[in-house]
Amino acid sequence: MAAKQGDSGESNDSSPVEGRFEQTERAADIGASRKSAHSAQRLPLPALLALCMIPVLAAMVLFLYSLLNEQTAKHSASGKKSQSAAARSAVQWQSASSDSAAVLIDKAKQAIAAKRYAKAAVLSQSAIEMGTSDGSAYITHGTALALLEKNPEEALRNFEEGIKLNPDLADQYFYDNRADCYIELCQFEDALRELDKSLSLKKNSWRMKKKGEILVQLHREHEAVDAFAEAANLDPHNKWIWFERGQTDMSLKEWRQALADFSNVIKIDPGDSRAYLARAKVYAELGDKERARQDEERANQLIGKE
């Protein structure tokens, strides 16, 4: 009996050591469960980064959308402007097309008279494109280009074509414009040839002055002085003729003649500072230092007033 009770107590009762061991295991299980739950609540780093990028990406999408709308609006406005410009051009073309070549040529000549050379070039070109055989269309177009001083070669080609169609159109103005084209191209021999043809039809002071200028470019100064003298005889009150002759006389070291030329300029225009400076140089070359000083002072006074 006593032996049975001992067996029964040995199976139901645990030792203190065993009890502590069981408590330790239960505590470890609870801690592991909490740690596992906490770990389950924390997201991996890539997922966190993805979440942070969502607002940035949304802002970028909104920005690109607004930019696209803005560009679309600009393109639409530009398209409307282009359509409007095209419509205006079509109206102008229809208006020009409704005119005959003769009317276009007449309008081009009127535009030249009004110094609207670009418009004259467009009108005369339209007449040419209509297949006109009127040489005045080419000459008018050449004149407009010559006066624009942009394309002297094309102007000369138009002059040549026009004169082939209508040789009688070669007047002094025709040769004047051809001379200007050759001057623009620095072909001074050709320019002189054309200007002489113009002078043979109508002589005046500005054509003689231009001849003097061309002769200077050709280093034919003595002939240039004679041309300026003839121009001055035709228009003695033109100070620029005397001034250019004075400069040419200076290049030839004709000091006394240059002195007379610049004195004529001052007589015509007492306020021309350049004439005083030029005459001061002449006085210095002649050894008259006092008069050279006086002219320099007068020139400086006039320059100060400008």
Protein backbone atom coordinates (compact mmCIF):
# COMPACT_ATOMS: atom_id res chain seq x y z
CA MET A 1 0.00 0.00 0.00
CA ALA A 2 2.70 2.34 0.94
CA ALA A 3 4.56 1.25 -2.13
CA LYS A 4 1.58 2.10 -4.40
CA GLN A 5 1.22 5.60 -2.89
CA GLY A 6 4.86 6.21 -3.60
CA ASP A 7 4.41 5.19 -7.19
CA SER A 8 1.33 7.41 -7.52
CA GLY A 9 3.05 10.48 -6.05
CA GLU A 10 6.06 9.96 -8.34
CA SER A 11 3.85 10.11 -11.43
CA ASN A 12 1.68 13.16 -10.47
CA ASP A 13 4.16 15.49 -8.83
CA SER A 14 7.06 17.21 -10.74
CA SER A 15 10.24 18.50 -9.27
CA PRO A 16 10.94 22.26 -8.90
CA VAL A 17 13.60 22.08 -11.61
CA GLU A 18 11.19 20.62 -14.11
CA GLY A 19 8.61 23.31 -13.32
CA ARG A 20 11.08 26.07 -14.00
CA PHE A 21 12.10 24.47 -17.25
CA GLU A 22 8.51 24.34 -18.43
CA GLN A 23 7.98 28.03 -17.51
CA THR A 24 11.12 28.96 -19.44
CA GLU A 25 9.91 27.09 -22.51
CA ARG A 26 6.49 28.76 -22.37
CA ALA A 27 8.12 32.22 -22.03
CA ALA A 28 10.39 31.49 -24.99
CA ASP A 29 7.37 30.42 -27.06
CA ILE A 30 5.47 33.61 -26.19
CA GLY A 31 8.50 35.80 -27.05
CA ALA A 32 9.01 34.04 -30.35
CA SER A 33 5.33 34.50 -31.17
CA ARG A 34 5.52 38.24 -30.45
CA LYS A 35 8.72 38.64 -32.46
CA SER A 36 7.16 36.75 -35.37
CA ALA A 37 4.08 38.98 -35.23
CA HIS A 38 6.21 42.15 -35.10
CA SER A 39 8.31 40.93 -38.02
CA ALA A 40 5.17 40.22 -39.98
CA GLN A 41 4.02 43.86 -39.48
CA ARG A 42 7.35 45.37 -40.89
CA LEU A 43 7.47 45.65 -44.77
CA PRO A 44 10.55 44.83 -46.81
CA LEU A 45 12.73 47.83 -47.93
CA PRO A 46 11.79 47.63 -51.68
CA ALA A 47 8.13 47.78 -50.75
CA LEU A 48 8.73 50.83 -48.56
CA LEU A 49 10.62 52.56 -51.38
CA ALA A 50 7.81 51.78 -53.82
CA LEU A 51 5.28 53.32 -51.42
CA CYS A 52 7.42 56.48 -51.11
CA MET A 53 7.67 56.81 -54.89
CA ILE A 54 3.90 56.76 -55.45
CA PRO A 55 3.37 60.52 -54.63
CA VAL A 56 6.40 61.48 -56.75
CA LEU A 57 5.15 59.49 -59.72
CA ALA A 58 1.69 60.96 -59.34
CA ALA A 59 3.13 64.49 -59.35
CA MET A 60 5.18 63.69 -62.47
CA VAL A 61 2.12 62.33 -64.26
CA LEU A 62 0.15 65.49 -63.42
CA PHE A 63 3.02 67.71 -64.63
CA LEU A 64 3.36 65.84 -67.93
CA TYR A 65 -0.39 65.96 -68.44
CA SER A 66 -0.49 69.73 -67.92
CA LEU A 67 2.53 70.19 -70.21
CA LEU A 68 0.87 68.11 -72.92
CA ASN A 69 -2.29 70.21 -72.66
CA GLU A 70 -0.25 73.41 -72.92
CA GLN A 71 1.63 72.21 -76.01
CA THR A 72 -1.62 71.08 -77.60
CA ALA A 73 -3.13 74.52 -77.02
CA LYS A 74 -0.07 76.26 -78.54
CA HIS A 75 -0.09 73.97 -81.55
CA SER A 76 -3.77 74.63 -82.06
CA ALA A 77 -3.23 78.41 -81.88
CA SER A 78 -0.27 78.20 -84.26
CA GLY A 79 -2.31 76.13 -86.66
CA LYS A 80 -5.05 78.72 -86.62
CA LYS A 81 -2.54 81.50 -87.33
CA SER A 82 -1.02 79.52 -90.20
CA GLN A 83 -4.44 78.89 -91.65
CA SER A 84 -5.24 82.59 -91.33
CA ALA A 85 -1.96 83.59 -93.04
CA ALA A 86 -2.57 81.03 -95.78
CA ALA A 87 -6.07 82.40 -96.25
CA ARG A 88 -4.72 85.94 -96.58
CA SER A 89 -2.09 84.80 -99.07
CA ALA A 90 -4.73 82.99 -101.08
CA VAL A 91 -6.86 86.14 -101.19
CA GLN A 92 -3.86 88.22 -102.30
CA TRP A 93 -2.93 85.64 -104.94
CA GLN A 94 -6.48 85.52 -106.24
CA SER A 95 -6.49 89.33 -106.39
CA ALA A 96 -3.19 89.38 -108.28
CA SER A 97 -4.31 86.58 -110.57
CA SER A 98 -7.44 88.49 -111.47
CA ASP A 99 -5.28 91.33 -112.85
CA SER A 100 -3.78 91.18 -116.30
CA ALA A 101 -0.02 91.36 -116.80
CA ALA A 102 -0.35 94.94 -118.07
CA VAL A 103 -2.18 95.99 -114.92
CA LEU A 104 0.44 94.30 -112.72
CA ILE A 105 3.25 96.06 -114.57
CA ASP A 106 1.50 99.40 -114.16
CA LYS A 107 1.03 98.76 -110.44
CA ALA A 108 4.70 97.80 -110.14
CA LYS A 109 5.75 101.08 -111.76
CA GLN A 110 3.51 102.98 -109.36
CA ALA A 111 5.08 101.12 -106.45
CA ILE A 112 8.56 102.13 -107.65
CA ALA A 113 7.44 105.76 -107.88
CA ALA A 114 6.22 105.46 -104.28
CA LYS A 115 9.58 103.89 -103.30
CA ARG A 116 7.90 100.61 -102.39
CA TYR A 117 10.50 98.54 -104.17
CA ALA A 118 9.74 95.17 -102.56
CA LYS A 119 6.11 95.42 -103.60
CA ALA A 120 7.18 96.41 -107.12
CA ALA A 121 9.41 93.34 -107.29
CA VAL A 122 6.52 91.03 -106.33
CA LEU A 123 4.07 92.60 -108.78
CA SER A 124 6.49 92.56 -111.71
CA GLN A 125 7.48 88.96 -110.93
CA SER A 126 3.81 88.00 -111.00
CA ALA A 127 3.49 89.57 -114.45
CA ILE A 128 6.54 87.63 -115.66
CA GLU A 129 5.13 84.36 -114.30
CA MET A 130 1.97 84.96 -116.31
CA GLY A 131 4.11 84.50 -119.44
CA THR A 132 4.01 88.09 -120.65
CA SER A 133 6.11 89.03 -123.67
CA ASP A 134 6.21 92.67 -122.55
CA GLY A 135 9.83 93.60 -121.93
CA SER A 136 8.79 96.30 -119.46
CA ALA A 137 7.85 93.56 -116.98
CA TYR A 138 11.49 92.39 -116.90
CA ILE A 139 12.92 95.90 -116.87
CA THR A 140 10.56 96.95 -114.08
CA HIS A 141 11.52 93.85 -112.11
CA GLY A 142 15.21 94.55 -112.70
CA THR A 143 14.73 98.16 -111.62
CA ALA A 144 13.03 97.09 -108.38
CA LEU A 145 15.85 94.64 -107.60
CA ALA A 146 18.50 97.26 -108.42
CA LEU A 147 16.87 99.77 -106.10
CA LEU A 148 16.63 97.15 -103.36
CA GLU A 149 20.41 96.64 -103.76
CA LYS A 150 20.07 92.96 -102.89
CA ASN A 151 20.57 90.96 -106.07
CA PRO A 152 22.41 92.92 -108.79
CA GLU A 153 23.12 89.81 -110.88
CA GLU A 154 19.42 88.93 -111.08
CA ALA A 155 18.60 92.56 -111.86
CA LEU A 156 21.07 92.55 -114.77
CA ARG A 157 19.58 89.31 -116.14
CA ASN A 158 16.14 90.90 -116.12
CA PHE A 159 17.46 94.00 -117.86
CA GLU A 160 18.99 91.82 -120.58
CA GLU A 161 15.78 89.86 -121.11
CA GLY A 162 13.66 93.01 -121.16
CA ILE A 163 15.82 94.79 -123.71
CA LYS A 164 15.75 91.73 -125.97
CA LEU A 165 11.96 91.87 -126.01
CA ASN A 166 11.72 95.67 -126.30
CA PRO A 167 14.95 97.38 -127.45
CA ASP A 168 13.24 100.78 -127.46
CA LEU A 169 12.94 100.71 -123.67
CA ALA A 170 16.66 101.44 -123.23
CA ASP A 171 16.42 105.02 -121.89
CA GLN A 172 18.81 106.90 -119.61
CA TYR A 173 17.19 105.39 -116.50
CA PHE A 174 17.74 101.90 -117.87
CA TYR A 175 21.47 102.63 -118.18
CA ASP A 176 21.55 104.37 -114.78
CA ASN A 177 20.19 101.27 -113.08
CA ARG A 178 22.56 98.97 -114.94
CA ALA A 179 25.46 101.21 -113.90
CA ASP A 180 24.34 100.98 -110.26
CA CYS A 181 24.26 97.17 -110.49
CA TYR A 182 27.82 97.09 -111.83
CA ILE A 183 28.94 99.48 -109.08
CA GLU A 184 27.37 97.13 -106.54
CA LEU A 185 29.40 94.31 -108.09
CA CYS A 186 32.57 96.49 -108.11
CA GLN A 187 32.75 96.15 -111.90
CA PHE A 188 33.64 99.79 -112.45
CA GLU A 189 34.64 99.59 -116.12
CA ASP A 190 31.20 98.19 -116.95
CA ALA A 191 29.57 100.80 -114.74
CA LEU A 192 31.42 103.60 -116.55
CA ARG A 193 30.34 102.22 -119.93
CA GLU A 194 26.67 102.16 -118.88
CA LEU A 195 26.86 105.62 -117.32
CA ASP A 196 28.40 107.11 -120.46
CA LYS A 197 25.42 105.74 -122.41
CA SER A 198 23.10 107.45 -119.95
CA LEU A 199 25.05 110.72 -120.21
CA SER A 200 24.78 110.60 -123.98
CA LEU A 201 20.99 110.63 -123.59
CA LYS A 202 20.68 113.09 -120.71
CA LYS A 203 23.50 114.96 -118.98
CA ASN A 204 23.00 116.31 -115.48
CA SER A 205 25.09 117.10 -112.39
CA TRP A 206 24.48 113.93 -110.43
CA ARG A 207 25.38 111.69 -113.37
CA MET A 208 28.63 113.65 -113.84
CA LYS A 209 29.29 113.39 -110.09
CA LYS A 210 28.75 109.63 -110.25
CA LYS A 211 31.12 109.44 -113.21
CA GLY A 212 33.76 111.22 -111.13
CA GLU A 213 33.24 108.70 -108.31
CA ILE A 214 33.64 105.76 -110.70
CA LEU A 215 36.81 107.28 -112.17
CA VAL A 216 38.25 107.61 -108.66
CA GLN A 217 37.60 103.89 -108.12
CA LEU A 218 39.46 103.23 -111.37
CA HIS A 219 42.40 105.37 -110.11
CA ARG A 220 41.86 107.87 -112.90
CA GLU A 221 41.91 110.87 -110.59
CA HIS A 222 42.74 113.56 -113.16
CA GLU A 223 39.71 112.56 -115.24
CA ALA A 224 37.66 112.44 -112.04
CA VAL A 225 38.60 116.05 -111.23
CA ASP A 226 37.37 117.10 -114.68
CA ALA A 227 34.10 115.18 -114.18
CA PHE A 228 33.54 116.86 -110.80
CA ALA A 229 34.29 120.25 -112.35
CA GLU A 230 31.67 119.66 -115.04
CA ALA A 231 29.19 118.53 -112.40
CA ALA A 232 29.90 121.70 -110.38
CA ASN A 233 29.25 123.84 -113.46
CA LEU A 234 25.85 122.16 -113.82
CA ASP A 235 25.02 122.53 -110.09
CA PRO A 236 27.35 125.03 -108.37
CA HIS A 237 25.37 124.96 -105.09
CA ASN A 238 25.83 121.24 -104.50
CA LYS A 239 28.40 121.10 -101.69
CA TRP A 240 29.04 117.38 -102.14
CA ILE A 241 30.42 117.90 -105.63
CA TRP A 242 32.95 120.42 -104.29
CA PHE A 243 33.79 118.21 -101.34
CA GLU A 244 34.52 115.15 -103.51
CA ARG A 245 36.56 117.24 -105.91
CA GLY A 246 38.52 118.63 -102.94
CA GLN A 247 39.27 115.12 -101.69
CA THR A 248 40.43 114.09 -105.16
CA ASP A 249 42.67 117.18 -105.40
CA MET A 250 44.17 116.25 -102.02
CA SER A 251 44.98 112.76 -103.33
CA LEU A 252 46.78 114.46 -106.23
CA LYS A 253 48.47 116.89 -103.79
CA GLU A 254 46.87 119.80 -105.60
CA TRP A 255 46.71 121.79 -102.37
CA ARG A 256 45.71 125.17 -103.79
CA GLN A 257 42.86 123.69 -105.78
CA ALA A 258 41.77 121.61 -102.79
CA LEU A 259 41.78 124.79 -100.67
CA ALA A 260 39.41 126.46 -103.14
CA ASP A 261 37.16 123.41 -103.24
CA PHE A 262 36.73 123.15 -99.45
CA SER A 263 36.26 126.92 -99.18
CA ASN A 264 33.35 126.57 -101.63
CA VAL A 265 31.83 123.89 -99.39
CA ILE A 266 32.08 126.21 -96.36
CA LYS A 267 30.60 129.06 -98.36
CA ILE A 268 27.58 126.89 -99.25
CA ASP A 269 27.29 125.35 -95.75
CA PRO A 270 29.17 127.21 -92.97
CA GLY A 271 28.12 124.53 -90.50
CA ASP A 272 29.92 121.63 -92.21
CA SER A 273 32.55 120.48 -89.69
CA ARG A 274 34.10 118.02 -92.16
CA ALA A 275 34.92 120.82 -94.59
CA TYR A 276 36.74 122.76 -91.83
CA LEU A 277 38.74 119.66 -90.84
CA ALA A 278 39.66 118.98 -94.46
CA ARG A 279 40.67 122.59 -95.06
CA ALA A 280 42.73 122.54 -91.85
CA LYS A 281 44.76 119.66 -93.31
CA VAL A 282 45.27 121.63 -96.53
CA TYR A 283 46.43 124.71 -94.61
CA ALA A 284 48.86 122.51 -92.67
CA GLU A 285 50.26 121.13 -95.95
CA LEU A 286 50.65 124.71 -97.20
CA GLY A 287 52.50 125.66 -94.02
CA ASP A 288 49.82 127.99 -92.67
CA LYS A 289 49.67 126.62 -89.12
CA GLU A 290 47.59 129.48 -87.70
CA ARG A 291 44.75 129.06 -90.16
CA ALA A 292 44.96 125.29 -89.76
CA ARG A 293 44.55 125.78 -85.97
CA GLN A 294 41.59 128.13 -86.48
CA ASP A 295 39.80 125.68 -88.78
CA GLU A 296 40.38 122.83 -86.34
CA GLU A 297 38.93 124.89 -83.48
CA ARG A 298 35.92 125.83 -85.58
CA ALA A 299 35.37 122.18 -86.56
CA ASN A 300 35.52 121.10 -82.91
CA GLN A 301 32.96 123.76 -81.98
CA LEU A 302 30.59 122.53 -84.66
CA ILE A 303 31.10 118.89 -83.67
CA GLY A 304 30.27 119.80 -80.06
CA LYS A 305 26.94 121.24 -81.21
CA GLU A 306 25.97 118.13 -83.20
